[in-house]
Amino acid sequence: MKNNDWKDRLNVVYSTNPDYQYENIGEEEAETLPKNQQKLRVSIEKKGRGGKTVTLIRNFIGNENDLRELSKLLKSKCGVGGSAKDGEIIIQGDFKQRIIDLLKAEGYTQTK
């Protein structure tokens, strides 16, 4: 019998066929574009956040580790908290111009 590791057969309840090959459908992580090709957009948002102001950085194309690394850099330079997920960085507070300046200093030249 072939190696039937449970991780390879997630979402399959049971198969009576001993030769059944479980399909591994996994998302491929996007390759991170170079800094000068990233078209990041910085905006301010209040809606749906209990009246709190946040700065959003959108359109990051790349893997989650690079996104988190950029988020960590911006949060530490601004001295605030935030999060990073789904190609979007959320920074607590109104830091739009400061973040644009920081991104351009880091090499993200197409930032608006």
PDB file of N, CA and C in Angstrom:
ATOM      1  N   MET A   1       0.849  -1.182   0.000  1.00  0.00           N
ATOM      2  CA  MET A   1       0.000   0.000   0.000  1.00  0.00           C
ATOM      3  C   MET A   1       0.888   1.236   0.000  1.00  0.00           C
ATOM      4  N   LYS A   2       0.472   2.235  -0.713  1.00  0.00           N
ATOM      5  CA  LYS A   2       1.247   3.458  -0.816  1.00  0.00           C
ATOM      6  C   LYS A   2       1.133   4.269   0.459  1.00  0.00           C
ATOM      7  N   ASN A   3       2.012   5.238   0.581  1.00  0.00           N
ATOM      8  CA  ASN A   3       2.000   6.106   1.760  1.00  0.00           C
ATOM      9  C   ASN A   3       0.725   6.942   1.760  1.00  0.00           C
ATOM     10  N   ASN A   4      -0.189   6.629   2.641  1.00  0.00           N
ATOM     11  CA  ASN A   4      -1.450   7.362   2.751  1.00  0.00           C
ATOM     12  C   ASN A   4      -1.418   8.248   3.980  1.00  0.00           C
ATOM     13  N   ASP A   5      -0.610   9.251   3.922  1.00  0.00           N
ATOM     14  CA  ASP A   5      -0.529  10.200   5.018  1.00  0.00           C
ATOM     15  C   ASP A   5      -1.845  10.977   5.083  1.00  0.00           C
ATOM     16  N   TRP A   6      -2.349  11.230   6.279  1.00  0.00           N
ATOM     17  CA  TRP A   6      -3.639  11.901   6.429  1.00  0.00           C
ATOM     18  C   TRP A   6      -3.619  13.313   5.872  1.00  0.00           C
ATOM     19  N   LYS A   7      -2.463  13.961   5.832  1.00  0.00           N
ATOM     20  CA  LYS A   7      -2.391  15.318   5.294  1.00  0.00           C
ATOM     21  C   LYS A   7      -2.616  15.327   3.786  1.00  0.00           C
ATOM     22  N   ASP A   8      -2.296  14.227   3.130  1.00  0.00           N
ATOM     23  CA  ASP A   8      -2.480  14.144   1.688  1.00  0.00           C
ATOM     24  C   ASP A   8      -3.925  13.881   1.302  1.00  0.00           C
ATOM     25  N   ARG A   9      -4.740  13.490   2.242  1.00  0.00           N
ATOM     26  CA  ARG A   9      -6.119  13.166   1.890  1.00  0.00           C
ATOM     27  C   ARG A   9      -7.141  13.970   2.694  1.00  0.00           C
ATOM     28  N   LEU A  10      -6.815  15.205   2.962  1.00  0.00           N
ATOM     29  CA  LEU A  10      -7.781  16.079   3.611  1.00  0.00           C
ATOM     30  C   LEU A  10      -9.001  16.247   2.720  1.00  0.00           C
ATOM     31  N   ASN A  11     -10.145  16.384   3.310  1.00  0.00           N
ATOM     32  CA  ASN A  11     -11.426  16.572   2.636  1.00  0.00           C
ATOM     33  C   ASN A  11     -11.919  15.311   1.928  1.00  0.00           C
ATOM     34  N   VAL A  12     -11.308  14.139   2.156  1.00  0.00           N
ATOM     35  CA  VAL A  12     -11.802  12.875   1.628  1.00  0.00           C
ATOM     36  C   VAL A  12     -12.192  12.036   2.837  1.00  0.00           C
ATOM     37  N   VAL A  13     -13.455  11.643   2.878  1.00  0.00           N
ATOM     38  CA  VAL A  13     -13.938  10.916   4.042  1.00  0.00           C
ATOM     39  C   VAL A  13     -13.484   9.461   4.013  1.00  0.00           C
ATOM     40  N   TYR A  14     -13.728   8.763   2.902  1.00  0.00           N
ATOM     41  CA  TYR A  14     -13.376   7.359   2.855  1.00  0.00           C
ATOM     42  C   TYR A  14     -13.366   6.891   1.407  1.00  0.00           C
ATOM     43  N   SER A  15     -12.445   6.011   1.071  1.00  0.00           N
ATOM     44  CA  SER A  15     -12.406   5.419  -0.259  1.00  0.00           C
ATOM     45  C   SER A  15     -12.143   3.921  -0.115  1.00  0.00           C
ATOM     46  N   THR A  16     -12.956   3.103  -0.800  1.00  0.00           N
ATOM     47  CA  THR A  16     -12.784   1.652  -0.733  1.00  0.00           C
ATOM     48  C   THR A  16     -11.797   1.141  -1.765  1.00  0.00           C
ATOM     49  N   ASN A  17     -11.390   1.974  -2.684  1.00  0.00           N
ATOM     50  CA  ASN A  17     -10.451   1.594  -3.725  1.00  0.00           C
ATOM     51  C   ASN A  17      -9.026   1.692  -3.166  1.00  0.00           C
ATOM     52  N   PRO A  18      -8.288   0.558  -3.081  1.00  0.00           N
ATOM     53  CA  PRO A  18      -6.934   0.624  -2.512  1.00  0.00           C
ATOM     54  C   PRO A  18      -5.928   1.351  -3.415  1.00  0.00           C
ATOM     55  N   ASP A  19      -6.243   1.495  -4.701  1.00  0.00           N
ATOM     56  CA  ASP A  19      -5.343   2.180  -5.625  1.00  0.00           C
ATOM     57  C   ASP A  19      -5.734   3.631  -5.853  1.00  0.00           C
ATOM     58  N   TYR A  20      -6.666   4.141  -5.070  1.00  0.00           N
ATOM     59  CA  TYR A  20      -7.132   5.514  -5.253  1.00  0.00           C
ATOM     60  C   TYR A  20      -6.018   6.504  -4.936  1.00  0.00           C
ATOM     61  N   GLN A  21      -5.815   7.459  -5.836  1.00  0.00           N
ATOM     62  CA  GLN A  21      -4.813   8.498  -5.629  1.00  0.00           C
ATOM     63  C   GLN A  21      -5.522   9.767  -5.174  1.00  0.00           C
ATOM     64  N   TYR A  22      -5.193  10.197  -3.986  1.00  0.00           N
ATOM     65  CA  TYR A  22      -5.792  11.414  -3.465  1.00  0.00           C
ATOM     66  C   TYR A  22      -5.216  12.614  -4.192  1.00  0.00           C
ATOM     67  N   GLU A  23      -6.103  13.528  -4.566  1.00  0.00           N
ATOM     68  CA  GLU A  23      -5.663  14.722  -5.283  1.00  0.00           C
ATOM     69  C   GLU A  23      -5.221  15.773  -4.279  1.00  0.00           C
ATOM     70  N   ASN A  24      -4.068  16.312  -4.533  1.00  0.00           N
ATOM     71  CA  ASN A  24      -3.555  17.381  -3.681  1.00  0.00           C
ATOM     72  C   ASN A  24      -3.759  18.703  -4.402  1.00  0.00           C
ATOM     73  N   ILE A  25      -4.752  19.415  -3.961  1.00  0.00           N
ATOM     74  CA  ILE A  25      -5.021  20.724  -4.546  1.00  0.00           C
ATOM     75  C   ILE A  25      -4.535  21.756  -3.550  1.00  0.00           C
ATOM     76  N   GLY A  26      -3.430  22.377  -3.865  1.00  0.00           N
ATOM     77  CA  GLY A  26      -2.867  23.380  -2.978  1.00  0.00           C
ATOM     78  C   GLY A  26      -2.689  24.688  -3.715  1.00  0.00           C
ATOM     79  N   GLU A  27      -2.806  25.754  -2.977  1.00  0.00           N
ATOM     80  CA  GLU A  27      -2.605  27.060  -3.580  1.00  0.00           C
ATOM     81  C   GLU A  27      -1.115  27.330  -3.704  1.00  0.00           C
ATOM     82  N   GLU A  28      -0.748  27.807  -4.866  1.00  0.00           N
ATOM     83  CA  GLU A  28       0.642  28.175  -5.061  1.00  0.00           C
ATOM     84  C   GLU A  28       0.826  29.611  -4.611  1.00  0.00           C
ATOM     85  N   GLU A  29       1.880  29.848  -3.845  1.00  0.00           N
ATOM     86  CA  GLU A  29       2.137  31.205  -3.397  1.00  0.00           C
ATOM     87  C   GLU A  29       2.706  32.015  -4.541  1.00  0.00           C
ATOM     88  N   ALA A  30       2.235  33.232  -4.629  1.00  0.00           N
ATOM     89  CA  ALA A  30       2.710  34.107  -5.692  1.00  0.00           C
ATOM     90  C   ALA A  30       4.159  34.498  -5.421  1.00  0.00           C
ATOM     91  N   GLU A  31       4.906  34.613  -6.486  1.00  0.00           N
ATOM     92  CA  GLU A  31       6.288  35.034  -6.350  1.00  0.00           C
ATOM     93  C   GLU A  31       6.300  36.539  -6.103  1.00  0.00           C
ATOM     94  N   THR A  32       7.115  36.976  -5.183  1.00  0.00           N
ATOM     95  CA  THR A  32       7.157  38.381  -4.815  1.00  0.00           C
ATOM     96  C   THR A  32       7.818  39.197  -5.922  1.00  0.00           C
ATOM     97  N   LEU A  33       7.110  40.225  -6.348  1.00  0.00           N
ATOM     98  CA  LEU A  33       7.661  41.125  -7.358  1.00  0.00           C
ATOM     99  C   LEU A  33       8.764  41.978  -6.741  1.00  0.00           C
ATOM    100  N   PRO A  34       9.715  42.453  -7.557  1.00  0.00           N
ATOM    101  CA  PRO A  34      10.729  43.370  -7.042  1.00  0.00           C
ATOM    102  C   PRO A  34      10.081  44.649  -6.508  1.00  0.00           C
ATOM    103  N   LYS A  35      10.768  45.302  -5.592  1.00  0.00           N
ATOM    104  CA  LYS A  35      10.212  46.486  -4.933  1.00  0.00           C
ATOM    105  C   LYS A  35       9.818  47.574  -5.918  1.00  0.00           C
ATOM    106  N   ASN A  36      10.619  47.782  -6.952  1.00  0.00           N
ATOM    107  CA  ASN A  36      10.318  48.870  -7.884  1.00  0.00           C
ATOM    108  C   ASN A  36       9.150  48.545  -8.815  1.00  0.00           C
ATOM    109  N   GLN A  37       8.661  47.296  -8.834  1.00  0.00           N
ATOM    110  CA  GLN A  37       7.517  46.926  -9.664  1.00  0.00           C
ATOM    111  C   GLN A  37       6.218  46.819  -8.871  1.00  0.00           C
ATOM    112  N   GLN A  38       6.295  46.891  -7.558  1.00  0.00           N
ATOM    113  CA  GLN A  38       5.106  46.827  -6.718  1.00  0.00           C
ATOM    114  C   GLN A  38       4.333  48.140  -6.838  1.00  0.00           C
ATOM    115  N   LYS A  39       3.045  48.053  -7.137  1.00  0.00           N
ATOM    116  CA  LYS A  39       2.188  49.240  -7.244  1.00  0.00           C
ATOM    117  C   LYS A  39       1.306  49.313  -5.995  1.00  0.00           C
ATOM    118  N   LEU A  40       1.899  49.742  -4.900  1.00  0.00           N
ATOM    119  CA  LEU A  40       1.188  49.805  -3.629  1.00  0.00           C
ATOM    120  C   LEU A  40       0.324  51.051  -3.565  1.00  0.00           C
ATOM    121  N   ARG A  41      -0.852  50.922  -2.968  1.00  0.00           N
ATOM    122  CA  ARG A  41      -1.770  52.041  -2.790  1.00  0.00           C
ATOM    123  C   ARG A  41      -2.026  52.211  -1.301  1.00  0.00           C
ATOM    124  N   VAL A  42      -1.819  53.422  -0.805  1.00  0.00           N
ATOM    125  CA  VAL A  42      -1.976  53.729   0.614  1.00  0.00           C
ATOM    126  C   VAL A  42      -3.235  54.577   0.767  1.00  0.00           C
ATOM    127  N   SER A  43      -4.108  54.199   1.689  1.00  0.00           N
ATOM    128  CA  SER A  43      -5.339  54.952   1.909  1.00  0.00           C
ATOM    129  C   SER A  43      -5.698  54.943   3.392  1.00  0.00           C
ATOM    130  N   ILE A  44      -6.610  55.859   3.753  1.00  0.00           N
ATOM    131  CA  ILE A  44      -7.119  55.973   5.122  1.00  0.00           C
ATOM    132  C   ILE A  44      -8.546  55.448   5.129  1.00  0.00           C
ATOM    133  N   GLU A  45      -8.904  54.710   6.180  1.00  0.00           N
ATOM    134  CA  GLU A  45     -10.255  54.163   6.261  1.00  0.00           C
ATOM    135  C   GLU A  45     -10.751  54.218   7.695  1.00  0.00           C
ATOM    136  N   LYS A  46     -12.044  54.541   7.861  1.00  0.00           N
ATOM    137  CA  LYS A  46     -12.696  54.543   9.170  1.00  0.00           C
ATOM    138  C   LYS A  46     -13.893  53.602   9.210  1.00  0.00           C
ATOM    139  N   LYS A  47     -14.490  53.399   8.060  1.00  0.00           N
ATOM    140  CA  LYS A  47     -15.740  52.657   7.979  1.00  0.00           C
ATOM    141  C   LYS A  47     -15.585  51.210   8.459  1.00  0.00           C
ATOM    142  N   GLY A  48     -16.492  50.784   9.316  1.00  0.00           N
ATOM    143  CA  GLY A  48     -16.514  49.406   9.780  1.00  0.00           C
ATOM    144  C   GLY A  48     -15.458  49.074  10.816  1.00  0.00           C
ATOM    145  N   ARG A  49     -14.882  50.089  11.435  1.00  0.00           N
ATOM    146  CA  ARG A  49     -13.817  49.843  12.413  1.00  0.00           C
ATOM    147  C   ARG A  49     -14.108  50.536  13.743  1.00  0.00           C
ATOM    148  N   GLY A  50     -15.367  50.740  14.026  1.00  0.00           N
ATOM    149  CA  GLY A  50     -15.758  51.340  15.295  1.00  0.00           C
ATOM    150  C   GLY A  50     -15.304  52.788  15.443  1.00  0.00           C
ATOM    151  N   GLY A  51     -15.184  53.505  14.344  1.00  0.00           N
ATOM    152  CA  GLY A  51     -14.763  54.899  14.391  1.00  0.00           C
ATOM    153  C   GLY A  51     -13.263  55.098  14.462  1.00  0.00           C
ATOM    154  N   LYS A  52     -12.518  54.025  14.544  1.00  0.00           N
ATOM    155  CA  LYS A  52     -11.054  54.125  14.602  1.00  0.00           C
ATOM    156  C   LYS A  52     -10.490  54.305  13.196  1.00  0.00           C
ATOM    157  N   THR A  53      -9.445  55.106  13.090  1.00  0.00           N
ATOM    158  CA  THR A  53      -8.812  55.356  11.805  1.00  0.00           C
ATOM    159  C   THR A  53      -7.671  54.371  11.600  1.00  0.00           C
ATOM    160  N   VAL A  54      -7.599  53.797  10.401  1.00  0.00           N
ATOM    161  CA  VAL A  54      -6.498  52.901  10.044  1.00  0.00           C
ATOM    162  C   VAL A  54      -5.941  53.322   8.688  1.00  0.00           C
ATOM    163  N   THR A  55      -4.682  52.997   8.464  1.00  0.00           N
ATOM    164  CA  THR A  55      -4.033  53.226   7.187  1.00  0.00           C
ATOM    165  C   THR A  55      -3.898  51.874   6.496  1.00  0.00           C
ATOM    166  N   LEU A  56      -4.392  51.779   5.260  1.00  0.00           N
ATOM    167  CA  LEU A  56      -4.363  50.535   4.505  1.00  0.00           C
ATOM    168  C   LEU A  56      -3.324  50.621   3.401  1.00  0.00           C
ATOM    169  N   ILE A  57      -2.532  49.574   3.250  1.00  0.00           N
ATOM    170  CA  ILE A  57      -1.594  49.442   2.142  1.00  0.00           C
ATOM    171  C   ILE A  57      -2.080  48.247   1.336  1.00  0.00           C
ATOM    172  N   ARG A  58      -2.496  48.491   0.096  1.00  0.00           N
ATOM    173  CA  ARG A  58      -3.093  47.443  -0.731  1.00  0.00           C
ATOM    174  C   ARG A  58      -2.213  47.120  -1.936  1.00  0.00           C
ATOM    175  N   ASN A  59      -2.593  46.043  -2.629  1.00  0.00           N
ATOM    176  CA  ASN A  59      -2.005  45.606  -3.901  1.00  0.00           C
ATOM    177  C   ASN A  59      -0.599  45.032  -3.762  1.00  0.00           C
ATOM    178  N   PHE A  60      -0.237  44.494  -2.618  1.00  0.00           N
ATOM    179  CA  PHE A  60       1.056  43.835  -2.480  1.00  0.00           C
ATOM    180  C   PHE A  60       0.967  42.486  -3.175  1.00  0.00           C
ATOM    181  N   ILE A  61       1.904  42.225  -4.076  1.00  0.00           N
ATOM    182  CA  ILE A  61       1.936  40.956  -4.804  1.00  0.00           C
ATOM    183  C   ILE A  61       3.163  40.186  -4.333  1.00  0.00           C
ATOM    184  N   GLY A  62       2.915  39.057  -3.673  1.00  0.00           N
ATOM    185  CA  GLY A  62       4.021  38.255  -3.176  1.00  0.00           C
ATOM    186  C   GLY A  62       3.556  37.269  -2.132  1.00  0.00           C
ATOM    187  N   ASN A  63       4.513  36.600  -1.510  1.00  0.00           N
ATOM    188  CA  ASN A  63       4.153  35.592  -0.518  1.00  0.00           C
ATOM    189  C   ASN A  63       3.896  36.238   0.846  1.00  0.00           C
ATOM    190  N   GLU A  64       3.301  35.466   1.737  1.00  0.00           N
ATOM    191  CA  GLU A  64       2.889  35.971   3.041  1.00  0.00           C
ATOM    192  C   GLU A  64       4.072  36.396   3.911  1.00  0.00           C
ATOM    193  N   ASN A  65       5.196  35.707   3.785  1.00  0.00           N
ATOM    194  CA  ASN A  65       6.361  36.066   4.610  1.00  0.00           C
ATOM    195  C   ASN A  65       6.881  37.454   4.267  1.00  0.00           C
ATOM    196  N   ASP A  66       6.945  37.781   2.985  1.00  0.00           N
ATOM    197  CA  ASP A  66       7.404  39.109   2.582  1.00  0.00           C
ATOM    198  C   ASP A  66       6.405  40.184   3.014  1.00  0.00           C
ATOM    199  N   LEU A  67       5.113  39.856   2.943  1.00  0.00           N
ATOM    200  CA  LEU A  67       4.085  40.794   3.383  1.00  0.00           C
ATOM    201  C   LEU A  67       4.220  41.074   4.877  1.00  0.00           C
ATOM    202  N   ARG A  68       4.414  40.029   5.665  1.00  0.00           N
ATOM    203  CA  ARG A  68       4.566  40.202   7.112  1.00  0.00           C
ATOM    204  C   ARG A  68       5.842  40.970   7.452  1.00  0.00           C
ATOM    205  N   GLU A  69       6.891  40.726   6.692  1.00  0.00           N
ATOM    206  CA  GLU A  69       8.155  41.435   6.929  1.00  0.00           C
ATOM    207  C   GLU A  69       7.999  42.930   6.669  1.00  0.00           C
ATOM    208  N   LEU A  70       7.321  43.292   5.577  1.00  0.00           N
ATOM    209  CA  LEU A  70       7.072  44.698   5.280  1.00  0.00           C
ATOM    210  C   LEU A  70       6.163  45.313   6.344  1.00  0.00           C
ATOM    211  N   SER A  71       5.156  44.571   6.769  1.00  0.00           N
ATOM    212  CA  SER A  71       4.252  45.041   7.812  1.00  0.00           C
ATOM    213  C   SER A  71       5.004  45.306   9.113  1.00  0.00           C
ATOM    214  N   LYS A  72       5.880  44.400   9.473  1.00  0.00           N
ATOM    215  CA  LYS A  72       6.660  44.554  10.699  1.00  0.00           C
ATOM    216  C   LYS A  72       7.536  45.807  10.632  1.00  0.00           C
ATOM    217  N   LEU A  73       8.144  46.043   9.477  1.00  0.00           N
ATOM    218  CA  LEU A  73       8.975  47.229   9.296  1.00  0.00           C
ATOM    219  C   LEU A  73       8.150  48.498   9.470  1.00  0.00           C
ATOM    220  N   LEU A  74       6.993  48.572   8.806  1.00  0.00           N
ATOM    221  CA  LEU A  74       6.156  49.773   8.882  1.00  0.00           C
ATOM    222  C   LEU A  74       5.605  49.995  10.290  1.00  0.00           C
ATOM    223  N   LYS A  75       5.193  48.924  10.956  1.00  0.00           N
ATOM    224  CA  LYS A  75       4.658  49.061  12.312  1.00  0.00           C
ATOM    225  C   LYS A  75       5.731  49.544  13.277  1.00  0.00           C
ATOM    226  N   SER A  76       6.952  49.043  13.128  1.00  0.00           N
ATOM    227  CA  SER A  76       8.017  49.465  14.039  1.00  0.00           C
ATOM    228  C   SER A  76       8.442  50.907  13.769  1.00  0.00           C
ATOM    229  N   LYS A  77       8.474  51.324  12.490  1.00  0.00           N
ATOM    230  CA  LYS A  77       8.851  52.702  12.166  1.00  0.00           C
ATOM    231  C   LYS A  77       7.797  53.703  12.623  1.00  0.00           C
ATOM    232  N   CYS A  78       6.524  53.303  12.607  1.00  0.00           N
ATOM    233  CA  CYS A  78       5.452  54.198  13.043  1.00  0.00           C
ATOM    234  C   CYS A  78       5.169  54.065  14.537  1.00  0.00           C
ATOM    235  N   GLY A  79       5.630  53.001  15.146  1.00  0.00           N
ATOM    236  CA  GLY A  79       5.429  52.807  16.581  1.00  0.00           C
ATOM    237  C   GLY A  79       4.001  52.458  16.949  1.00  0.00           C
ATOM    238  N   VAL A  80       3.308  51.735  16.060  1.00  0.00           N
ATOM    239  CA  VAL A  80       1.918  51.357  16.311  1.00  0.00           C
ATOM    240  C   VAL A  80       1.715  49.887  15.974  1.00  0.00           C
ATOM    241  N   GLY A  81       0.509  49.414  16.183  1.00  0.00           N
ATOM    242  CA  GLY A  81       0.169  48.034  15.871  1.00  0.00           C
ATOM    243  C   GLY A  81      -0.502  47.933  14.517  1.00  0.00           C
ATOM    244  N   GLY A  82      -0.828  46.726  14.150  1.00  0.00           N
ATOM    245  CA  GLY A  82      -1.506  46.491  12.880  1.00  0.00           C
ATOM    246  C   GLY A  82      -1.484  45.021  12.539  1.00  0.00           C
ATOM    247  N   SER A  83      -1.861  44.717  11.300  1.00  0.00           N
ATOM    248  CA  SER A  83      -1.868  43.325  10.859  1.00  0.00           C
ATOM    249  C   SER A  83      -1.592  43.265   9.367  1.00  0.00           C
ATOM    250  N   ALA A  84      -1.324  42.041   8.893  1.00  0.00           N
ATOM    251  CA  ALA A  84      -1.052  41.820   7.475  1.00  0.00           C
ATOM    252  C   ALA A  84      -1.676  40.502   7.048  1.00  0.00           C
ATOM    253  N   LYS A  85      -2.549  40.557   6.048  1.00  0.00           N
ATOM    254  CA  LYS A  85      -3.145  39.340   5.499  1.00  0.00           C
ATOM    255  C   LYS A  85      -3.800  39.655   4.164  1.00  0.00           C
ATOM    256  N   ASP A  86      -3.889  38.664   3.317  1.00  0.00           N
ATOM    257  CA  ASP A  86      -4.552  38.757   2.016  1.00  0.00           C
ATOM    258  C   ASP A  86      -4.022  39.890   1.148  1.00  0.00           C
ATOM    259  N   GLY A  87      -2.724  40.105   1.148  1.00  0.00           N
ATOM    260  CA  GLY A  87      -2.132  41.139   0.302  1.00  0.00           C
ATOM    261  C   GLY A  87      -2.411  42.548   0.772  1.00  0.00           C
ATOM    262  N   GLU A  88      -2.790  42.705   2.031  1.00  0.00           N
ATOM    263  CA  GLU A  88      -3.167  44.007   2.570  1.00  0.00           C
ATOM    264  C   GLU A  88      -2.521  44.193   3.942  1.00  0.00           C
ATOM    265  N   ILE A  89      -2.003  45.382   4.188  1.00  0.00           N
ATOM    266  CA  ILE A  89      -1.413  45.702   5.485  1.00  0.00           C
ATOM    267  C   ILE A  89      -2.282  46.751   6.146  1.00  0.00           C
ATOM    268  N   ILE A  90      -2.638  46.527   7.403  1.00  0.00           N
ATOM    269  CA  ILE A  90      -3.444  47.477   8.168  1.00  0.00           C
ATOM    270  C   ILE A  90      -2.574  48.037   9.277  1.00  0.00           C
ATOM    271  N   ILE A  91      -2.416  49.360   9.286  1.00  0.00           N
ATOM    272  CA  ILE A  91      -1.648  50.057  10.319  1.00  0.00           C
ATOM    273  C   ILE A  91      -2.622  50.913  11.112  1.00  0.00           C
ATOM    274  N   GLN A  92      -2.596  50.817  12.434  1.00  0.00           N
ATOM    275  CA  GLN A  92      -3.510  51.577  13.274  1.00  0.00           C
ATOM    276  C   GLN A  92      -3.106  53.044  13.295  1.00  0.00           C
ATOM    277  N   GLY A  93      -4.066  53.922  12.992  1.00  0.00           N
ATOM    278  CA  GLY A  93      -3.818  55.350  13.026  1.00  0.00           C
ATOM    279  C   GLY A  93      -3.695  55.956  11.640  1.00  0.00           C
ATOM    280  N   ASP A  94      -3.590  57.291  11.614  1.00  0.00           N
ATOM    281  CA  ASP A  94      -3.498  58.040  10.360  1.00  0.00           C
ATOM    282  C   ASP A  94      -2.030  58.350  10.079  1.00  0.00           C
ATOM    283  N   PHE A  95      -1.382  57.476   9.306  1.00  0.00           N
ATOM    284  CA  PHE A  95       0.039  57.615   8.987  1.00  0.00           C
ATOM    285  C   PHE A  95       0.276  57.583   7.483  1.00  0.00           C
ATOM    286  N   LYS A  96      -0.675  58.086   6.691  1.00  0.00           N
ATOM    287  CA  LYS A  96      -0.597  57.944   5.238  1.00  0.00           C
ATOM    288  C   LYS A  96       0.693  58.538   4.663  1.00  0.00           C
ATOM    289  N   GLN A  97       0.974  59.793   4.936  1.00  0.00           N
ATOM    290  CA  GLN A  97       2.141  60.435   4.334  1.00  0.00           C
ATOM    291  C   GLN A  97       3.441  59.821   4.859  1.00  0.00           C
ATOM    292  N   ARG A  98       3.483  59.489   6.128  1.00  0.00           N
ATOM    293  CA  ARG A  98       4.683  58.884   6.708  1.00  0.00           C
ATOM    294  C   ARG A  98       4.978  57.521   6.068  1.00  0.00           C
ATOM    295  N   ILE A  99       3.933  56.739   5.839  1.00  0.00           N
ATOM    296  CA  ILE A  99       4.104  55.417   5.238  1.00  0.00           C
ATOM    297  C   ILE A  99       4.529  55.541   3.782  1.00  0.00           C
ATOM    298  N   ILE A 100       3.957  56.494   3.059  1.00  0.00           N
ATOM    299  CA  ILE A 100       4.377  56.711   1.669  1.00  0.00           C
ATOM    300  C   ILE A 100       5.862  57.052   1.625  1.00  0.00           C
ATOM    301  N   ASP A 101       6.308  57.936   2.522  1.00  0.00           N
ATOM    302  CA  ASP A 101       7.723  58.302   2.567  1.00  0.00           C
ATOM    303  C   ASP A 101       8.604  57.108   2.923  1.00  0.00           C
ATOM    304  N   LEU A 102       8.161  56.293   3.884  1.00  0.00           N
ATOM    305  CA  LEU A 102       8.926  55.104   4.281  1.00  0.00           C
ATOM    306  C   LEU A 102       9.024  54.093   3.136  1.00  0.00           C
ATOM    307  N   LEU A 103       7.918  53.880   2.435  1.00  0.00           N
ATOM    308  CA  LEU A 103       7.921  52.921   1.328  1.00  0.00           C
ATOM    309  C   LEU A 103       8.830  53.382   0.193  1.00  0.00           C
ATOM    310  N   LYS A 104       8.786  54.669  -0.114  1.00  0.00           N
ATOM    311  CA  LYS A 104       9.659  55.184  -1.175  1.00  0.00           C
ATOM    312  C   LYS A 104      11.125  55.094  -0.762  1.00  0.00           C
ATOM    313  N   ALA A 105      11.423  55.301   0.516  1.00  0.00           N
ATOM    314  CA  ALA A 105      12.791  55.159   1.003  1.00  0.00           C
ATOM    315  C   ALA A 105      13.269  53.718   0.937  1.00  0.00           C
ATOM    316  N   GLU A 106      12.345  52.758   1.061  1.00  0.00           N
ATOM    317  CA  GLU A 106      12.692  51.338   0.999  1.00  0.00           C
ATOM    318  C   GLU A 106      12.835  50.844  -0.436  1.00  0.00           C
ATOM    319  N   GLY A 107      12.430  51.639  -1.422  1.00  0.00           N
ATOM    320  CA  GLY A 107      12.573  51.224  -2.810  1.00  0.00           C
ATOM    321  C   GLY A 107      11.278  50.950  -3.535  1.00  0.00           C
ATOM    322  N   TYR A 108      10.135  51.126  -2.865  1.00  0.00           N
ATOM    323  CA  TYR A 108       8.828  50.942  -3.503  1.00  0.00           C
ATOM    324  C   TYR A 108       8.475  52.251  -4.206  1.00  0.00           C
ATOM    325  N   THR A 109       8.987  52.427  -5.440  1.00  0.00           N
ATOM    326  CA  THR A 109       8.907  53.714  -6.129  1.00  0.00           C
ATOM    327  C   THR A 109       7.530  54.015  -6.699  1.00  0.00           C
ATOM    328  N   GLN A 110       6.692  53.017  -6.939  1.00  0.00           N
ATOM    329  CA  GLN A 110       5.378  53.240  -7.553  1.00  0.00           C
ATOM    330  C   GLN A 110       4.268  53.325  -6.516  1.00  0.00           C
ATOM    331  N   THR A 111       4.570  53.905  -5.374  1.00  0.00           N
ATOM    332  CA  THR A 111       3.607  54.005  -4.281  1.00  0.00           C
ATOM    333  C   THR A 111       2.822  55.307  -4.403  1.00  0.00           C
ATOM    334  N   LYS A 112       1.510  55.220  -4.206  1.00  0.00           N
ATOM    335  CA  LYS A 112       0.651  56.408  -4.207  1.00  0.00           C
ATOM    336  C   LYS A 112      -0.255  56.377  -3.020  1.00  0.00           C
TER     337      LYS A 112
END
